[in-house]
Amino acid sequence: MRWGIVGWGWVARDYMARGIAAAGGRVSAVVDRSSNARAAATAEGIATFDTVEAMLAAGACDLVYVATPNDAHLAPVRACAATGVPVLCEKPIAATLADAEAMAQAVAGTLYGTAFDQRHHPAHRALARALADDAIGRAVAVRIVYACWVGPAWAADNWRADPARAGGGAVIDLALHGLDLTQYLLAAPLIDLSIMLQRRIHDYAVDDGGMLTARTADGVLMQAHVAYNCAEVLPRRRLEVLGERGLLVATDTMGQTAGGTLMRRCGESGAETPLPFDATLSPFTAQAAAFMHAARGGAHEFSMSRDLALMRLFDRAYTEARRCR
């Protein structure tokens, strides 16, 4: 299938485009306001356009991936929906809840997906199967560390450090992955969420860290630490699910790349057992394959209503956290 990409930045170029190719699709068109970005795409033999409307009018793609800054999601998603072209949009849905609500209205009747690539990581799929197979008994808590280093020099010319364009900082950029992943693993929505924000290390206008706590209706707790202020060489990507009879631990699986490890630790003996998964398959490849399957009419789990409910929950907690900081 032919993909159009809106926003030829490093995530689209270095991860999603490669994932599309590995999944059997191809990038046929790129829309970007930057002439340098368009030139780079042209050099790879990809047709380029100044606007989404021009790309769609030319019939240059079968489906679209939107990877613009968060504040620029609404217009391309609305344009795709108006022409019935399936659209996969980077998370968060938008920089503001108002834009997210408008997007939800626009895509009614059109295949839409939020690019929560972490729910497609093979290790996380294997972890979900282990939970469904009662590997550790009833879940008690989900614990996540998802952190990186985003220094002031890198952030100086980066929209992720602009509160208007990003909608926030480390928390809106990183935490939604963990919230969505928790809902996927537990097969249950989160109903309560609280956030504490941090501006501790970096002197830019958005939060450089945050701690989140949440729970499901049946009482499973969730805790996540996300950060832009954690050195890259330190342990910073860990997912744990504690159960009544054991612990499942995924290490170095959170993020854009394939690999990592997945272990089960027995709650009685303490013995550790590795759980197998495809360590060569990137979450972007798996996500692209899943969206193409959905576009062909196959069963899928993409859901704007679910993602909008999470965005509403997140927005309430994030707004309160910024008010109290």
Protein backbone atom coordinates (compact mmCIF):
# COMPACT_ATOMS: atom_id res chain seq x y z
CA MET A 1 0.00 0.00 0.00
CA ARG A 2 1.11 3.56 -0.72
CA TRP A 3 1.65 5.83 2.25
CA GLY A 4 1.67 9.60 2.31
CA ILE A 5 3.61 11.12 5.18
CA VAL A 6 2.81 14.59 6.50
CA GLY A 7 5.84 15.92 8.35
CA TRP A 8 9.18 14.51 7.17
CA GLY A 9 10.96 14.79 10.52
CA TRP A 10 13.30 12.30 12.17
CA VAL A 11 10.60 10.03 13.60
CA ALA A 12 8.87 9.73 10.22
CA ARG A 13 12.10 9.46 8.26
CA ASP A 14 14.21 7.23 10.51
CA TYR A 15 11.54 5.00 12.05
CA MET A 16 8.11 5.05 10.41
CA ALA A 17 9.29 5.08 6.79
CA ARG A 18 11.55 2.12 7.49
CA GLY A 19 8.74 0.39 9.35
CA ILE A 20 6.40 0.88 6.40
CA ALA A 21 8.94 -0.63 4.00
CA ALA A 22 9.63 -3.57 6.31
CA ALA A 23 5.87 -4.20 6.59
CA GLY A 24 5.52 -4.38 2.81
CA GLY A 25 4.24 -0.89 2.10
CA ARG A 26 6.01 2.04 0.51
CA VAL A 27 6.20 5.78 1.10
CA SER A 28 4.90 7.33 -2.11
CA ALA A 29 4.40 10.96 -1.07
CA VAL A 30 5.60 13.50 1.48
CA VAL A 31 4.11 16.81 2.58
CA ASP A 32 6.35 19.22 4.47
CA ARG A 33 6.56 23.01 4.69
CA SER A 34 10.36 22.83 4.71
CA SER A 35 12.00 22.96 1.29
CA ASN A 36 14.98 21.09 2.76
CA ALA A 37 12.73 18.27 3.95
CA ARG A 38 11.03 18.08 0.56
CA ALA A 39 14.42 18.00 -1.17
CA ALA A 40 15.54 15.14 1.08
CA ALA A 41 12.40 13.17 0.22
CA THR A 42 12.79 13.91 -3.50
CA ALA A 43 16.35 12.59 -3.34
CA GLU A 44 14.87 9.27 -2.18
CA GLY A 45 12.52 9.15 -5.16
CA ILE A 46 9.44 10.22 -3.19
CA ALA A 47 6.90 12.63 -4.67
CA THR A 48 6.56 15.81 -2.61
CA PHE A 49 3.74 18.28 -2.13
CA ASP A 50 3.32 21.64 -0.45
CA THR A 51 -0.09 20.77 1.01
CA VAL A 52 -2.04 17.73 2.13
CA GLU A 53 -4.89 18.75 -0.14
CA ALA A 54 -2.61 18.68 -3.18
CA MET A 55 -1.32 15.22 -2.27
CA LEU A 56 -4.83 13.86 -1.81
CA ALA A 57 -6.12 15.50 -5.00
CA ALA A 58 -3.29 13.83 -6.93
CA GLY A 59 -4.32 10.42 -5.60
CA ALA A 60 -0.72 9.92 -4.52
CA CYS A 61 -1.41 7.63 -1.54
CA ASP A 62 -3.76 5.03 -0.11
CA LEU A 63 -3.35 6.02 3.53
CA VAL A 64 -1.61 8.77 5.47
CA TYR A 65 0.67 9.03 8.49
CA VAL A 66 0.68 12.45 10.22
CA ALA A 67 3.91 13.32 12.03
CA THR A 68 3.70 17.10 12.28
CA PRO A 69 4.14 18.99 15.57
CA ASN A 70 1.23 18.35 17.93
CA ASP A 71 -0.50 21.67 17.22
CA ALA A 72 -0.65 20.88 13.49
CA HIS A 73 -2.52 17.54 13.57
CA LEU A 74 -6.06 18.79 13.05
CA ALA A 75 -5.84 20.17 9.49
CA PRO A 76 -4.23 17.14 7.79
CA VAL A 77 -6.44 14.66 9.68
CA ARG A 78 -9.52 16.65 8.72
CA ALA A 79 -8.40 16.75 5.07
CA CYS A 80 -7.86 12.97 5.00
CA ALA A 81 -11.23 12.30 6.60
CA ALA A 82 -12.98 14.55 4.08
CA THR A 83 -11.69 12.34 1.27
CA GLY A 84 -12.13 9.04 3.11
CA VAL A 85 -8.39 8.28 3.30
CA PRO A 86 -7.39 6.27 6.40
CA VAL A 87 -5.13 8.30 8.66
CA LEU A 88 -2.67 7.28 11.39
CA CYS A 89 -1.74 10.29 13.53
CA GLU A 90 1.12 10.62 15.97
CA LYS A 91 0.33 10.88 19.66
CA PRO A 92 -0.92 12.84 21.44
CA ILE A 93 -4.06 13.22 19.33
CA ALA A 94 -3.44 16.98 19.44
CA ALA A 95 -1.80 19.71 21.53
CA THR A 96 -5.18 20.68 22.99
CA LEU A 97 -8.30 18.81 23.95
CA ALA A 98 -10.35 21.15 21.75
CA ASP A 99 -8.39 20.07 18.68
CA ALA A 100 -8.69 16.42 19.71
CA GLU A 101 -12.47 16.77 20.01
CA ALA A 102 -12.61 18.41 16.57
CA MET A 103 -10.54 15.58 15.10
CA ALA A 104 -12.88 12.99 16.59
CA GLN A 105 -15.83 14.67 14.91
CA ALA A 106 -13.98 14.88 11.60
CA VAL A 107 -12.95 11.20 11.40
CA ALA A 108 -16.38 9.72 12.13
CA GLY A 109 -16.84 7.02 9.50
CA THR A 110 -13.14 7.05 8.48
CA LEU A 111 -10.45 4.67 9.69
CA TYR A 112 -8.35 6.60 12.21
CA GLY A 113 -5.55 5.47 14.49
CA THR A 114 -3.40 7.23 17.09
CA ALA A 115 0.19 6.09 16.69
CA PHE A 116 0.62 4.43 20.07
CA ASP A 117 3.41 2.26 18.73
CA GLN A 118 4.24 0.78 22.15
CA ARG A 119 1.12 -1.41 22.13
CA HIS A 120 2.58 -3.02 18.98
CA HIS A 121 6.01 -3.87 20.42
CA PRO A 122 6.41 -7.68 20.31
CA ALA A 123 7.58 -7.78 23.94
CA HIS A 124 4.49 -5.90 25.08
CA ARG A 125 2.30 -8.22 23.00
CA ALA A 126 3.97 -11.20 24.69
CA LEU A 127 3.47 -9.59 28.09
CA ALA A 128 -0.23 -9.09 27.35
CA ARG A 129 -0.54 -12.77 26.38
CA ALA A 130 1.19 -13.80 29.60
CA LEU A 131 -1.29 -11.77 31.63
CA ALA A 132 -4.22 -13.25 29.71
CA ASP A 133 -2.81 -16.74 30.35
CA ASP A 134 -2.74 -16.08 34.13
CA ALA A 135 1.07 -16.19 34.31
CA ILE A 136 1.19 -14.07 37.48
CA GLY A 137 -2.38 -14.24 38.73
CA ARG A 138 -4.48 -11.13 39.22
CA ALA A 139 -2.64 -7.92 38.34
CA VAL A 140 -1.90 -5.61 41.24
CA ALA A 141 0.09 -2.75 39.73
CA VAL A 142 1.82 -1.50 36.57
CA ARG A 143 5.08 0.42 37.03
CA ILE A 144 6.80 2.29 34.22
CA VAL A 145 10.00 4.28 33.80
CA TYR A 146 10.24 5.98 30.40
CA ALA A 147 12.91 8.65 30.38
CA CYS A 148 15.53 10.31 28.17
CA TRP A 149 17.79 13.36 28.00
CA VAL A 150 16.56 16.41 26.10
CA GLY A 151 19.14 19.08 26.82
CA PRO A 152 18.63 22.83 26.37
CA ALA A 153 20.84 22.93 23.27
CA TRP A 154 18.74 20.30 21.51
CA ALA A 155 15.50 21.88 22.74
CA ALA A 156 16.44 25.42 21.68
CA ASP A 157 15.17 24.85 18.14
CA ASN A 158 12.76 22.00 18.80
CA TRP A 159 8.98 22.26 18.92
CA ARG A 160 8.84 19.74 21.79
CA ALA A 161 10.08 22.47 24.14
CA ASP A 162 7.48 24.98 22.91
CA PRO A 163 4.37 24.76 25.13
CA ALA A 164 2.07 26.10 22.42
CA ARG A 165 3.22 23.70 19.71
CA ALA A 166 3.69 20.62 21.89
CA GLY A 167 0.92 21.22 24.41
CA GLY A 168 3.40 20.63 27.23
CA GLY A 169 6.73 18.93 27.82
CA ALA A 170 8.03 15.52 28.84
CA VAL A 171 4.69 14.43 30.27
CA ILE A 172 2.52 14.98 27.19
CA ASP A 173 5.30 13.62 24.97
CA LEU A 174 6.09 10.42 26.87
CA ALA A 175 3.41 9.60 29.44
CA LEU A 176 0.55 8.91 27.04
CA HIS A 177 2.46 5.93 25.68
CA GLY A 178 2.50 4.38 29.14
CA LEU A 179 -1.13 5.21 29.85
CA ASP A 180 -2.29 3.64 26.59
CA LEU A 181 -0.01 0.65 27.10
CA THR A 182 -1.40 0.09 30.59
CA GLN A 183 -4.94 0.05 29.21
CA TYR A 184 -3.88 -2.41 26.51
CA LEU A 185 -2.09 -4.77 28.90
CA LEU A 186 -4.90 -4.80 31.45
CA ALA A 187 -7.69 -4.74 28.83
CA ALA A 188 -9.35 -2.09 30.98
CA PRO A 189 -9.60 1.70 30.89
CA LEU A 190 -8.01 3.94 33.48
CA ILE A 191 -10.61 5.92 35.41
CA ASP A 192 -8.52 8.08 37.76
CA LEU A 193 -5.27 9.93 36.99
CA SER A 194 -3.08 12.31 38.95
CA ILE A 195 0.09 14.05 37.72
CA MET A 196 2.94 15.84 39.48
CA LEU A 197 5.14 17.98 37.23
CA GLN A 198 8.81 18.85 37.47
CA ARG A 199 11.00 21.60 36.04
CA ARG A 200 14.16 20.59 37.80
CA ILE A 201 17.16 20.47 35.49
CA HIS A 202 16.49 22.16 32.16
CA ASP A 203 15.70 25.85 31.84
CA TYR A 204 13.05 25.68 29.16
CA ALA A 205 9.37 26.56 29.17
CA VAL A 206 7.93 23.07 29.58
CA ASP A 207 8.10 20.34 32.20
CA ASP A 208 11.26 18.20 32.11
CA GLY A 209 9.79 15.43 34.24
CA GLY A 210 6.64 14.07 35.77
CA MET A 211 5.22 11.38 38.02
CA LEU A 212 1.82 9.88 37.24
CA THR A 213 -0.47 7.66 39.30
CA ALA A 214 -3.67 6.08 38.07
CA ARG A 215 -6.05 3.18 38.66
CA THR A 216 -8.55 1.04 36.82
CA ALA A 217 -12.15 0.50 37.91
CA ASP A 218 -11.26 -2.88 39.44
CA GLY A 219 -8.41 -1.43 41.50
CA VAL A 220 -5.20 -2.10 39.55
CA LEU A 221 -2.75 0.73 40.24
CA MET A 222 -0.45 2.37 37.71
CA GLN A 223 2.65 4.48 38.33
CA ALA A 224 4.85 6.11 35.70
CA HIS A 225 7.94 8.29 35.84
CA VAL A 226 8.69 10.14 32.61
CA ALA A 227 11.53 12.57 32.07
CA TYR A 228 13.63 14.67 29.75
CA ASN A 229 16.26 14.94 32.50
CA CYS A 230 17.63 11.39 32.71
CA ALA A 231 21.06 10.67 31.22
CA GLU A 232 20.88 8.26 28.28
CA VAL A 233 23.45 5.85 29.78
CA LEU A 234 21.37 5.26 32.93
CA PRO A 235 18.63 2.62 33.26
CA ARG A 236 15.61 4.52 31.93
CA ARG A 237 13.23 2.17 30.14
CA ARG A 238 11.47 -0.40 32.30
CA LEU A 239 7.96 -1.81 32.43
CA GLU A 240 6.77 -4.00 35.31
CA VAL A 241 3.46 -5.69 35.97
CA LEU A 242 3.11 -6.99 39.52
CA GLY A 243 0.66 -9.83 40.09
CA GLU A 244 -0.44 -11.86 43.08
CA ARG A 245 1.83 -14.76 42.03
CA GLY A 246 4.74 -13.08 40.31
CA LEU A 247 6.23 -10.20 38.34
CA LEU A 248 6.60 -9.56 34.61
CA VAL A 249 9.48 -7.23 33.70
CA ALA A 250 10.21 -5.75 30.27
CA THR A 251 13.54 -3.92 30.09
CA ASP A 252 14.62 -1.60 27.26
CA THR A 253 11.43 -2.23 25.31
CA MET A 254 9.87 1.21 25.71
CA GLY A 255 10.98 3.32 22.76
CA GLN A 256 11.33 3.27 18.99
CA THR A 257 13.62 0.29 18.51
CA ALA A 258 13.27 -3.48 18.48
CA GLY A 259 14.66 -5.78 21.16
CA GLY A 260 14.93 -5.62 24.92
CA THR A 261 14.17 -8.42 27.37
CA LEU A 262 11.06 -9.86 28.98
CA MET A 263 11.23 -11.93 32.17
CA ARG A 264 8.77 -13.61 34.52
CA ARG A 265 9.78 -13.83 38.18
CA CYS A 266 7.95 -16.41 40.28
CA GLY A 267 6.32 -15.02 43.42
CA GLU A 268 7.10 -18.19 45.40
CA SER A 269 10.61 -19.24 44.42
CA GLY A 270 11.95 -16.00 42.95
CA ALA A 271 13.10 -17.95 39.90
CA GLU A 272 13.32 -15.94 36.68
CA THR A 273 12.20 -17.26 33.30
CA PRO A 274 12.71 -15.40 30.01
CA LEU A 275 9.61 -15.08 27.85
CA PRO A 276 10.18 -15.32 24.09
CA PHE A 277 9.21 -12.65 21.58
CA ASP A 278 10.45 -11.43 18.20
CA ALA A 279 13.39 -9.22 19.17
CA THR A 280 14.01 -8.20 15.55
CA LEU A 281 10.58 -6.67 14.87
CA SER A 282 10.34 -2.93 15.51
CA PRO A 283 7.14 -1.48 16.96
CA PHE A 284 6.90 0.82 13.94
CA THR A 285 6.95 -2.11 11.54
CA ALA A 286 4.29 -3.93 13.56
CA GLN A 287 2.19 -0.76 13.76
CA ALA A 288 2.40 -0.14 10.01
CA ALA A 289 1.42 -3.75 9.30
CA ALA A 290 -1.55 -3.51 11.69
CA PHE A 291 -2.81 -0.28 10.12
CA MET A 292 -2.52 -1.65 6.59
CA HIS A 293 -4.43 -4.74 7.71
CA ALA A 294 -7.15 -2.47 9.12
CA ALA A 295 -7.24 -0.41 5.91
CA ARG A 296 -7.86 -3.61 3.95
CA GLY A 297 -10.89 -4.31 6.12
CA GLY A 298 -9.28 -6.64 8.64
CA ALA A 299 -10.08 -6.79 12.35
CA HIS A 300 -8.19 -4.17 14.34
CA GLU A 301 -7.95 -2.35 17.65
CA PHE A 302 -7.59 1.26 16.44
CA SER A 303 -10.22 3.39 18.17
CA MET A 304 -10.69 7.15 18.26
CA SER A 305 -13.36 6.84 20.97
CA ARG A 306 -10.94 4.99 23.27
CA ASP A 307 -8.08 7.38 22.55
CA LEU A 308 -10.26 10.46 23.00
CA ALA A 309 -11.47 9.15 26.38
CA LEU A 310 -7.82 8.79 27.44
CA MET A 311 -7.05 12.30 26.14
CA ARG A 312 -9.91 13.71 28.19
CA LEU A 313 -8.68 11.94 31.32
CA PHE A 314 -5.13 13.13 30.67
CA ASP A 315 -6.14 16.72 29.93
CA ARG A 316 -8.02 17.05 33.24
CA ALA A 317 -5.04 15.78 35.23
CA TYR A 318 -2.45 17.77 33.25
CA THR A 319 -4.46 20.99 33.55
CA GLU A 320 -4.75 20.50 37.32
CA ALA A 321 -1.03 19.70 37.62
CA ARG A 322 -0.02 22.90 35.82
CA ARG A 323 -2.43 24.93 37.95
CA CYS A 324 -0.95 23.56 41.18
CA ARG A 325 2.72 23.65 40.21
